[in-house]
Amino acid sequence: DVLEKMEERHILREDAVRVVRHAEASGDTFLNR
């Protein structure tokens, strides 16, 4: 269901994976309390 929403927004799976892996490698994230 999340992937379907991403498709509607023209976000590829590889785009999301790249963001997550960059965040995990750099540690630069925001936390939702």
All heavy atoms as atom14 arrays in JSON, in Angstrom:
{
  "sequence": "DVLEKMEERHILREDAVRVVRHAEASGDTFLNR",
  "atom14_mask": [
    [1, 1, 1, 1, 1, 1, 1, 1, 0, 0, 0, 0, 0, 0],
    [1, 1, 1, 1, 1, 1, 1, 0, 0, 0, 0, 0, 0, 0],
    [1, 1, 1, 1, 1, 1, 1, 1, 0, 0, 0, 0, 0, 0],
    [1, 1, 1, 1, 1, 1, 1, 1, 1, 0, 0, 0, 0, 0],
    [1, 1, 1, 1, 1, 1, 1, 1, 1, 0, 0, 0, 0, 0],
    [1, 1, 1, 1, 1, 1, 1, 1, 0, 0, 0, 0, 0, 0],
    [1, 1, 1, 1, 1, 1, 1, 1, 1, 0, 0, 0, 0, 0],
    [1, 1, 1, 1, 1, 1, 1, 1, 1, 0, 0, 0, 0, 0],
    [1, 1, 1, 1, 1, 1, 1, 1, 1, 1, 1, 0, 0, 0],
    [1, 1, 1, 1, 1, 1, 1, 1, 1, 1, 0, 0, 0, 0],
    [1, 1, 1, 1, 1, 1, 1, 1, 0, 0, 0, 0, 0, 0],
    [1, 1, 1, 1, 1, 1, 1, 1, 0, 0, 0, 0, 0, 0],
    [1, 1, 1, 1, 1, 1, 1, 1, 1, 1, 1, 0, 0, 0],
    [1, 1, 1, 1, 1, 1, 1, 1, 1, 0, 0, 0, 0, 0],
    [1, 1, 1, 1, 1, 1, 1, 1, 0, 0, 0, 0, 0, 0],
    [1, 1, 1, 1, 1, 0, 0, 0, 0, 0, 0, 0, 0, 0],
    [1, 1, 1, 1, 1, 1, 1, 0, 0, 0, 0, 0, 0, 0],
    [1, 1, 1, 1, 1, 1, 1, 1, 1, 1, 1, 0, 0, 0],
    [1, 1, 1, 1, 1, 1, 1, 0, 0, 0, 0, 0, 0, 0],
    [1, 1, 1, 1, 1, 1, 1, 0, 0, 0, 0, 0, 0, 0],
    [1, 1, 1, 1, 1, 1, 1, 1, 1, 1, 1, 0, 0, 0],
    [1, 1, 1, 1, 1, 1, 1, 1, 1, 1, 0, 0, 0, 0],
    [1, 1, 1, 1, 1, 0, 0, 0, 0, 0, 0, 0, 0, 0],
    [1, 1, 1, 1, 1, 1, 1, 1, 1, 0, 0, 0, 0, 0],
    [1, 1, 1, 1, 1, 0, 0, 0, 0, 0, 0, 0, 0, 0],
    [1, 1, 1, 1, 1, 1, 0, 0, 0, 0, 0, 0, 0, 0],
    [1, 1, 1, 1, 0, 0, 0, 0, 0, 0, 0, 0, 0, 0],
    [1, 1, 1, 1, 1, 1, 1, 1, 0, 0, 0, 0, 0, 0],
    [1, 1, 1, 1, 1, 1, 1, 0, 0, 0, 0, 0, 0, 0],
    [1, 1, 1, 1, 1, 1, 1, 1, 1, 1, 1, 0, 0, 0],
    [1, 1, 1, 1, 1, 1, 1, 1, 0, 0, 0, 0, 0, 0],
    [1, 1, 1, 1, 1, 1, 1, 1, 0, 0, 0, 0, 0, 0],
    [1, 1, 1, 1, 1, 1, 1, 1, 1, 1, 1, 0, 0, 0]
  ],
  "atom14_positions": [
    [[0.82, -1.21, 0.0], [0.0, 0.0, 0.0], [0.86, 1.26, 0.0], [0.51, 2.28, -0.62], [-0.96, 0.0, 1.19], [-0.22, -0.05, 2.52], [0.83, -0.71, 2.61], [-0.72, 0.56, 3.49], [0.0, 0.0, 0.0], [0.0, 0.0, 0.0], [0.0, 0.0, 0.0], [0.0, 0.0, 0.0], [0.0, 0.0, 0.0], [0.0, 0.0, 0.0]],
    [[2.01, 1.21, 0.68], [2.92, 2.35, 0.68], [3.56, 2.51, -0.7], [3.68, 3.63, -1.21], [4.02, 2.17, 1.75], [5.02, 3.32, 1.69], [3.39, 2.09, 3.14], [0.0, 0.0, 0.0], [0.0, 0.0, 0.0], [0.0, 0.0, 0.0], [0.0, 0.0, 0.0], [0.0, 0.0, 0.0], [0.0, 0.0, 0.0], [0.0, 0.0, 0.0]],
    [[3.93, 1.39, -1.32], [4.52, 1.43, -2.65], [3.53, 2.0, -3.66], [3.9, 2.77, -4.56], [4.98, 0.03, -3.08], [5.78, -0.06, -4.39], [7.04, 0.79, -4.31], [6.13, -1.51, -4.69], [0.0, 0.0, 0.0], [0.0, 0.0, 0.0], [0.0, 0.0, 0.0], [0.0, 0.0, 0.0], [0.0, 0.0, 0.0], [0.0, 0.0, 0.0]],
    [[2.26, 1.64, -3.51], [1.23, 2.16, -4.41], [1.11, 3.68, -4.27], [0.98, 4.41, -5.26], [-0.11, 1.49, -4.1], [-1.22, 1.86, -5.06], [-2.48, 1.05, -4.83], [-2.38, -0.07, -4.26], [-3.55, 1.52, -5.22], [0.0, 0.0, 0.0], [0.0, 0.0, 0.0], [0.0, 0.0, 0.0], [0.0, 0.0, 0.0], [0.0, 0.0, 0.0]],
    [[1.17, 4.17, -3.03], [1.11, 5.61, -2.79], [2.34, 6.29, -3.4], [2.25, 7.38, -3.98], [1.06, 5.88, -1.29], [0.86, 7.35, -0.92], [1.0, 7.56, 0.58], [-0.01, 6.77, 1.36], [0.1, 7.05, 2.82], [0.0, 0.0, 0.0], [0.0, 0.0, 0.0], [0.0, 0.0, 0.0], [0.0, 0.0, 0.0], [0.0, 0.0, 0.0]],
    [[3.49, 5.65, -3.28], [4.72, 6.2, -3.86], [4.61, 6.29, -5.37], [5.06, 7.27, -5.99], [5.92, 5.33, -3.46], [6.34, 5.47, -2.01], [7.5, 4.17, -1.48], [8.71, 4.2, -2.8], [0.0, 0.0, 0.0], [0.0, 0.0, 0.0], [0.0, 0.0, 0.0], [0.0, 0.0, 0.0], [0.0, 0.0, 0.0], [0.0, 0.0, 0.0]],
    [[4.02, 5.27, -6.0], [3.86, 5.27, -7.45], [3.03, 6.47, -7.89], [3.33, 7.12, -8.89], [3.19, 3.97, -7.9], [4.02, 2.72, -7.67], [5.04, 2.48, -8.78], [4.9, 3.08, -9.85], [5.98, 1.7, -8.56], [0.0, 0.0, 0.0], [0.0, 0.0, 0.0], [0.0, 0.0, 0.0], [0.0, 0.0, 0.0], [0.0, 0.0, 0.0]],
    [[1.96, 6.77, -7.14], [1.11, 7.91, -7.47], [1.89, 9.22, -7.4], [1.59, 10.17, -8.12], [-0.08, 7.96, -6.52], [-1.06, 6.81, -6.67], [-2.14, 6.82, -5.6], [-2.1, 7.73, -4.73], [-3.04, 5.95, -5.65], [0.0, 0.0, 0.0], [0.0, 0.0, 0.0], [0.0, 0.0, 0.0], [0.0, 0.0, 0.0], [0.0, 0.0, 0.0]],
    [[2.9, 9.25, -6.55], [3.72, 10.45, -6.38], [4.98, 10.42, -7.23], [5.85, 11.26, -7.08], [4.09, 10.61, -4.9], [2.88, 10.78, -4.0], [3.23, 10.7, -2.53], [2.05, 10.9, -1.69], [2.02, 10.75, -0.37], [3.13, 10.39, 0.28], [0.91, 10.96, 0.31], [0.0, 0.0, 0.0], [0.0, 0.0, 0.0], [0.0, 0.0, 0.0]],
    [[5.07, 9.42, -8.11], [6.22, 9.25, -9.0], [7.52, 9.1, -8.23], [8.55, 9.7, -8.57], [6.31, 10.43, -9.98], [5.15, 10.52, -10.91], [4.93, 11.6, -11.73], [4.13, 9.66, -11.16], [3.83, 11.41, -12.44], [3.33, 10.23, -12.1], [0.0, 0.0, 0.0], [0.0, 0.0, 0.0], [0.0, 0.0, 0.0], [0.0, 0.0, 0.0]],
    [[7.47, 8.27, -7.21], [8.66, 7.93, -6.43], [8.94, 6.44, -6.64], [8.1, 5.6, -6.32], [8.45, 8.2, -4.93], [8.08, 9.67, -4.71], [9.7, 7.85, -4.14], [7.7, 9.99, -3.27], [0.0, 0.0, 0.0], [0.0, 0.0, 0.0], [0.0, 0.0, 0.0], [0.0, 0.0, 0.0], [0.0, 0.0, 0.0], [0.0, 0.0, 0.0]],
    [[10.08, 6.12, -7.18], [10.44, 4.73, -7.41], [10.9, 4.08, -6.12], [11.37, 4.75, -5.2], [11.56, 4.64, -8.45], [11.26, 5.2, -9.84], [12.49, 5.11, -10.72], [10.09, 4.47, -10.48], [0.0, 0.0, 0.0], [0.0, 0.0, 0.0], [0.0, 0.0, 0.0], [0.0, 0.0, 0.0], [0.0, 0.0, 0.0], [0.0, 0.0, 0.0]],
    [[10.8, 2.77, -6.08], [11.27, 2.04, -4.91], [12.75, 2.32, -4.67], [13.17, 2.52, -3.53], [11.06, 0.53, -5.1], [11.4, -0.29, -3.87], [11.3, -1.78, -4.09], [11.45, -2.49, -2.83], [12.62, -2.71, -2.23], [13.73, -2.26, -2.78], [12.67, -3.35, -1.08], [0.0, 0.0, 0.0], [0.0, 0.0, 0.0], [0.0, 0.0, 0.0]],
    [[13.52, 2.37, -5.74], [14.96, 2.6, -5.59], [15.25, 3.99, -5.02], [16.26, 4.19, -4.35], [15.67, 2.43, -6.93], [15.26, 3.43, -8.0], [15.82, 3.08, -9.36], [15.51, 1.99, -9.88], [16.57, 3.91, -9.9], [0.0, 0.0, 0.0], [0.0, 0.0, 0.0], [0.0, 0.0, 0.0], [0.0, 0.0, 0.0], [0.0, 0.0, 0.0]],
    [[14.36, 4.96, -5.27], [14.54, 6.29, -4.7], [14.42, 6.24, -3.18], [15.25, 6.82, -2.46], [13.49, 7.26, -5.26], [13.62, 7.48, -6.75], [14.76, 7.44, -7.25], [12.59, 7.67, -7.42], [0.0, 0.0, 0.0], [0.0, 0.0, 0.0], [0.0, 0.0, 0.0], [0.0, 0.0, 0.0], [0.0, 0.0, 0.0], [0.0, 0.0, 0.0]],
    [[13.37, 5.56, -2.69], [13.16, 5.47, -1.25], [14.3, 4.7, -0.58], [14.77, 5.08, 0.5], [11.82, 4.8, -0.96], [0.0, 0.0, 0.0], [0.0, 0.0, 0.0], [0.0, 0.0, 0.0], [0.0, 0.0, 0.0], [0.0, 0.0, 0.0], [0.0, 0.0, 0.0], [0.0, 0.0, 0.0], [0.0, 0.0, 0.0], [0.0, 0.0, 0.0]],
    [[14.73, 3.62, -1.21], [15.82, 2.82, -0.64], [17.09, 3.66, -0.55], [17.82, 3.61, 0.45], [16.06, 1.56, -1.5], [17.34, 0.85, -1.07], [14.87, 0.61, -1.4], [0.0, 0.0, 0.0], [0.0, 0.0, 0.0], [0.0, 0.0, 0.0], [0.0, 0.0, 0.0], [0.0, 0.0, 0.0], [0.0, 0.0, 0.0], [0.0, 0.0, 0.0]],
    [[17.34, 4.46, -1.57], [18.54, 5.3, -1.57], [18.52, 6.31, -0.42], [19.53, 6.56, 0.24], [18.65, 6.03, -2.91], [19.98, 6.77, -3.1], [19.96, 7.61, -4.37], [19.57, 6.84, -5.53], [19.39, 7.38, -6.74], [19.55, 8.67, -6.91], [19.04, 6.61, -7.74], [0.0, 0.0, 0.0], [0.0, 0.0, 0.0], [0.0, 0.0, 0.0]],
    [[17.33, 6.89, -0.17], [17.21, 7.86, 0.92], [17.49, 7.2, 2.27], [18.25, 7.71, 3.1], [15.81, 8.5, 0.93], [15.64, 9.4, 2.15], [15.56, 9.29, -0.34], [0.0, 0.0, 0.0], [0.0, 0.0, 0.0], [0.0, 0.0, 0.0], [0.0, 0.0, 0.0], [0.0, 0.0, 0.0], [0.0, 0.0, 0.0], [0.0, 0.0, 0.0]],
    [[16.86, 6.04, 2.48], [17.0, 5.35, 3.76], [18.46, 4.95, 3.99], [19.02, 5.15, 5.08], [16.08, 4.12, 3.82], [16.39, 3.27, 5.05], [14.62, 4.56, 3.83], [0.0, 0.0, 0.0], [0.0, 0.0, 0.0], [0.0, 0.0, 0.0], [0.0, 0.0, 0.0], [0.0, 0.0, 0.0], [0.0, 0.0, 0.0], [0.0, 0.0, 0.0]],
    [[19.09, 4.39, 2.98], [20.47, 3.93, 3.16], [21.43, 5.11, 3.35], [22.4, 5.02, 4.09], [20.88, 3.07, 1.97], [20.17, 1.72, 1.98], [20.55, 0.84, 0.82], [19.93, -0.48, 0.96], [19.97, -1.43, 0.02], [20.62, -1.21, -1.11], [19.38, -2.58, 0.23], [0.0, 0.0, 0.0], [0.0, 0.0, 0.0], [0.0, 0.0, 0.0]],
    [[21.14, 6.22, 2.69], [21.97, 7.41, 2.92], [21.8, 7.91, 4.35], [22.78, 8.28, 5.02], [21.58, 8.51, 1.93], [22.29, 9.81, 2.16], [21.77, 10.81, 2.95], [23.49, 10.26, 1.72], [22.61, 11.83, 2.99], [23.66, 11.51, 2.25], [0.0, 0.0, 0.0], [0.0, 0.0, 0.0], [0.0, 0.0, 0.0], [0.0, 0.0, 0.0]],
    [[20.55, 7.91, 4.85], [20.29, 8.36, 6.22], [20.97, 7.46, 7.24], [21.55, 7.92, 8.23], [18.79, 8.41, 6.47], [0.0, 0.0, 0.0], [0.0, 0.0, 0.0], [0.0, 0.0, 0.0], [0.0, 0.0, 0.0], [0.0, 0.0, 0.0], [0.0, 0.0, 0.0], [0.0, 0.0, 0.0], [0.0, 0.0, 0.0], [0.0, 0.0, 0.0]],
    [[20.91, 6.15, 6.99], [21.53, 5.21, 7.93], [23.05, 5.31, 7.9], [23.7, 5.13, 8.94], [21.09, 3.79, 7.59], [19.63, 3.51, 7.93], [19.37, 3.62, 9.42], [19.97, 2.85, 10.19], [18.57, 4.49, 9.82], [0.0, 0.0, 0.0], [0.0, 0.0, 0.0], [0.0, 0.0, 0.0], [0.0, 0.0, 0.0], [0.0, 0.0, 0.0]],
    [[23.59, 5.61, 6.74], [25.04, 5.74, 6.65], [25.53, 7.04, 7.28], [26.6, 7.08, 7.89], [25.48, 5.67, 5.18], [0.0, 0.0, 0.0], [0.0, 0.0, 0.0], [0.0, 0.0, 0.0], [0.0, 0.0, 0.0], [0.0, 0.0, 0.0], [0.0, 0.0, 0.0], [0.0, 0.0, 0.0], [0.0, 0.0, 0.0], [0.0, 0.0, 0.0]],
    [[24.74, 8.11, 7.12], [25.17, 9.41, 7.63], [24.65, 9.7, 9.03], [25.24, 10.49, 9.77], [24.68, 10.51, 6.68], [23.26, 10.57, 6.68], [0.0, 0.0, 0.0], [0.0, 0.0, 0.0], [0.0, 0.0, 0.0], [0.0, 0.0, 0.0], [0.0, 0.0, 0.0], [0.0, 0.0, 0.0], [0.0, 0.0, 0.0], [0.0, 0.0, 0.0]],
    [[23.53, 9.06, 9.38], [22.91, 9.33, 10.68], [22.13, 10.62, 10.72], [21.65, 11.03, 11.79], [0.0, 0.0, 0.0], [0.0, 0.0, 0.0], [0.0, 0.0, 0.0], [0.0, 0.0, 0.0], [0.0, 0.0, 0.0], [0.0, 0.0, 0.0], [0.0, 0.0, 0.0], [0.0, 0.0, 0.0], [0.0, 0.0, 0.0], [0.0, 0.0, 0.0]],
    [[21.97, 11.3, 9.58], [21.25, 12.58, 9.53], [19.76, 12.33, 9.34], [19.29, 12.11, 8.22], [21.79, 13.44, 8.39], [23.23, 13.84, 8.63], [23.61, 14.0, 9.81], [23.96, 13.99, 7.64], [0.0, 0.0, 0.0], [0.0, 0.0, 0.0], [0.0, 0.0, 0.0], [0.0, 0.0, 0.0], [0.0, 0.0, 0.0], [0.0, 0.0, 0.0]],
    [[19.02, 12.36, 10.42], [17.58, 12.12, 10.37], [16.88, 13.05, 11.35], [17.49, 13.69, 12.21], [17.24, 10.67, 10.75], [17.73, 10.41, 12.08], [17.84, 9.67, 9.78], [0.0, 0.0, 0.0], [0.0, 0.0, 0.0], [0.0, 0.0, 0.0], [0.0, 0.0, 0.0], [0.0, 0.0, 0.0], [0.0, 0.0, 0.0], [0.0, 0.0, 0.0]],
    [[15.55, 13.1, 11.22], [14.71, 13.78, 12.18], [13.86, 12.71, 12.87], [13.44, 11.74, 12.24], [13.79, 14.8, 11.49], [14.54, 15.88, 10.76], [14.79, 15.78, 9.4], [15.01, 16.99, 11.44], [15.48, 16.76, 8.72], [15.7, 17.99, 10.77], [15.95, 17.86, 9.42], [0.0, 0.0, 0.0], [0.0, 0.0, 0.0], [0.0, 0.0, 0.0]],
    [[13.61, 12.9, 14.15], [12.85, 11.92, 14.92], [11.47, 12.47, 15.25], [11.32, 13.58, 15.75], [13.59, 11.6, 16.23], [12.84, 10.71, 17.23], [12.68, 9.3, 16.64], [13.59, 10.64, 18.56], [0.0, 0.0, 0.0], [0.0, 0.0, 0.0], [0.0, 0.0, 0.0], [0.0, 0.0, 0.0], [0.0, 0.0, 0.0], [0.0, 0.0, 0.0]],
    [[10.45, 11.67, 14.95], [9.08, 12.0, 15.33], [8.88, 11.53, 16.77], [8.87, 10.33, 17.05], [8.09, 11.31, 14.4], [6.65, 11.72, 14.68], [6.25, 11.89, 15.82], [5.88, 11.89, 13.6], [0.0, 0.0, 0.0], [0.0, 0.0, 0.0], [0.0, 0.0, 0.0], [0.0, 0.0, 0.0], [0.0, 0.0, 0.0], [0.0, 0.0, 0.0]],
    [[8.72, 12.46, 17.68], [8.63, 12.11, 19.1], [7.37, 11.32, 19.43], [7.32, 10.61, 20.43], [8.67, 13.39, 19.95], [9.98, 14.16, 19.82], [10.0, 15.34, 20.8], [8.96, 16.31, 20.51], [9.11, 17.35, 19.7], [10.27, 17.55, 19.09], [8.12, 18.19, 19.49], [0.0, 0.0, 0.0], [0.0, 0.0, 0.0], [0.0, 0.0, 0.0]]
  ]
}
